[in-house]
Amino acid sequence: MTQKENQVFIRGRVPESLRARFKAMCALKGRDMGDVLKELVEKWLEDNENPSPNQGKGNK
């Protein structure tokens, strides 16, 4: 994202304990939860949009 884009909400469900751990760790590190989620989504897309040649050959 090089230009300023409109921000949107993504909704999903996770166990309450996972959310609590995530929220606590973000607070301990002084990070905004939304910023960390954005980084995680970007990393996941980077890993999955351009699969390696070995990916998809029996790996799930």
C-alpha atoms as a PDB file:
ATOM      1  CA  MET A   1       0.000   0.000   0.000  1.00  0.00           C
ATOM      2  CA  THR A   2       1.772   3.110  -1.176  1.00  0.00           C
ATOM      3  CA  GLN A   3      -1.265   5.399  -1.199  1.00  0.00           C
ATOM      4  CA  LYS A   4      -3.532   6.255   1.703  1.00  0.00           C
ATOM      5  CA  GLU A   5      -6.440   3.793   1.490  1.00  0.00           C
ATOM      6  CA  ASN A   6      -9.756   3.767   3.306  1.00  0.00           C
ATOM      7  CA  GLN A   7      -9.614   1.469   6.314  1.00  0.00           C
ATOM      8  CA  VAL A   8     -12.202  -1.323   6.602  1.00  0.00           C
ATOM      9  CA  PHE A   9     -13.159  -3.792   9.309  1.00  0.00           C
ATOM     10  CA  ILE A  10     -12.526  -7.530   9.037  1.00  0.00           C
ATOM     11  CA  ARG A  11     -14.538  -9.649  11.428  1.00  0.00           C
ATOM     12  CA  GLY A  12     -13.677 -13.098  12.619  1.00  0.00           C
ATOM     13  CA  ARG A  13     -14.083 -15.286  15.655  1.00  0.00           C
ATOM     14  CA  VAL A  14     -11.301 -16.601  17.866  1.00  0.00           C
ATOM     15  CA  PRO A  15     -11.430 -18.150  21.324  1.00  0.00           C
ATOM     16  CA  GLU A  16     -11.654 -15.593  24.118  1.00  0.00           C
ATOM     17  CA  SER A  17      -8.393 -16.850  25.629  1.00  0.00           C
ATOM     18  CA  LEU A  18      -6.538 -16.288  22.333  1.00  0.00           C
ATOM     19  CA  ARG A  19      -7.871 -12.745  22.087  1.00  0.00           C
ATOM     20  CA  ALA A  20      -6.882 -12.043  25.693  1.00  0.00           C
ATOM     21  CA  ARG A  21      -3.328 -13.284  25.092  1.00  0.00           C
ATOM     22  CA  PHE A  22      -3.061 -11.275  21.864  1.00  0.00           C
ATOM     23  CA  LYS A  23      -4.397  -8.121  23.531  1.00  0.00           C
ATOM     24  CA  ALA A  24      -2.038  -8.517  26.502  1.00  0.00           C
ATOM     25  CA  MET A  25       1.025  -9.092  24.317  1.00  0.00           C
ATOM     26  CA  CYS A  26       0.200  -6.093  22.130  1.00  0.00           C
ATOM     27  CA  ALA A  27      -0.126  -3.964  25.274  1.00  0.00           C
ATOM     28  CA  LEU A  28       3.161  -5.258  26.697  1.00  0.00           C
ATOM     29  CA  LYS A  29       4.932  -4.379  23.447  1.00  0.00           C
ATOM     30  CA  GLY A  30       3.129  -1.048  23.112  1.00  0.00           C
ATOM     31  CA  ARG A  31       1.575  -2.115  19.806  1.00  0.00           C
ATOM     32  CA  ASP A  32      -1.869  -1.441  18.400  1.00  0.00           C
ATOM     33  CA  MET A  33      -3.806  -4.679  17.849  1.00  0.00           C
ATOM     34  CA  GLY A  34      -5.023  -3.514  14.440  1.00  0.00           C
ATOM     35  CA  ASP A  35      -1.487  -2.749  13.276  1.00  0.00           C
ATOM     36  CA  VAL A  36      -0.275  -6.195  14.349  1.00  0.00           C
ATOM     37  CA  LEU A  37      -3.230  -7.890  12.633  1.00  0.00           C
ATOM     38  CA  LYS A  38      -2.460  -5.964   9.436  1.00  0.00           C
ATOM     39  CA  GLU A  39       1.173  -7.147   9.573  1.00  0.00           C
ATOM     40  CA  LEU A  40       0.050 -10.746  10.104  1.00  0.00           C
ATOM     41  CA  VAL A  41      -2.378 -10.607   7.153  1.00  0.00           C
ATOM     42  CA  GLU A  42       0.302  -9.054   4.920  1.00  0.00           C
ATOM     43  CA  LYS A  43       2.801 -11.784   5.908  1.00  0.00           C
ATOM     44  CA  TRP A  44       0.224 -14.525   5.279  1.00  0.00           C
ATOM     45  CA  LEU A  45      -0.575 -13.089   1.851  1.00  0.00           C
ATOM     46  CA  GLU A  46       3.121 -12.819   1.013  1.00  0.00           C
ATOM     47  CA  ASP A  47       3.601 -16.476   1.949  1.00  0.00           C
ATOM     48  CA  ASN A  48       0.512 -17.697   0.078  1.00  0.00           C
ATOM     49  CA  GLU A  49       0.068 -15.517  -3.009  1.00  0.00           C
ATOM     50  CA  ASN A  50       3.334 -16.688  -4.539  1.00  0.00           C
ATOM     51  CA  PRO A  51       3.599 -20.332  -3.497  1.00  0.00           C
ATOM     52  CA  SER A  52       6.958 -22.042  -3.725  1.00  0.00           C
ATOM     53  CA  PRO A  53       7.353 -24.852  -6.316  1.00  0.00           C
ATOM     54  CA  ASN A  54       7.188 -27.460  -3.519  1.00  0.00           C
ATOM     55  CA  GLN A  55       3.930 -26.121  -2.108  1.00  0.00           C
ATOM     56  CA  GLY A  56       0.797 -27.986  -3.042  1.00  0.00           C
ATOM     57  CA  LYS A  57       2.511 -31.353  -3.567  1.00  0.00           C
ATOM     58  CA  GLY A  58       0.884 -33.240  -0.723  1.00  0.00           C
ATOM     59  CA  ASN A  59       1.501 -30.389   1.767  1.00  0.00           C
ATOM     60  CA  LYS A  60      -1.515 -29.004   3.531  1.00  0.00           C
END
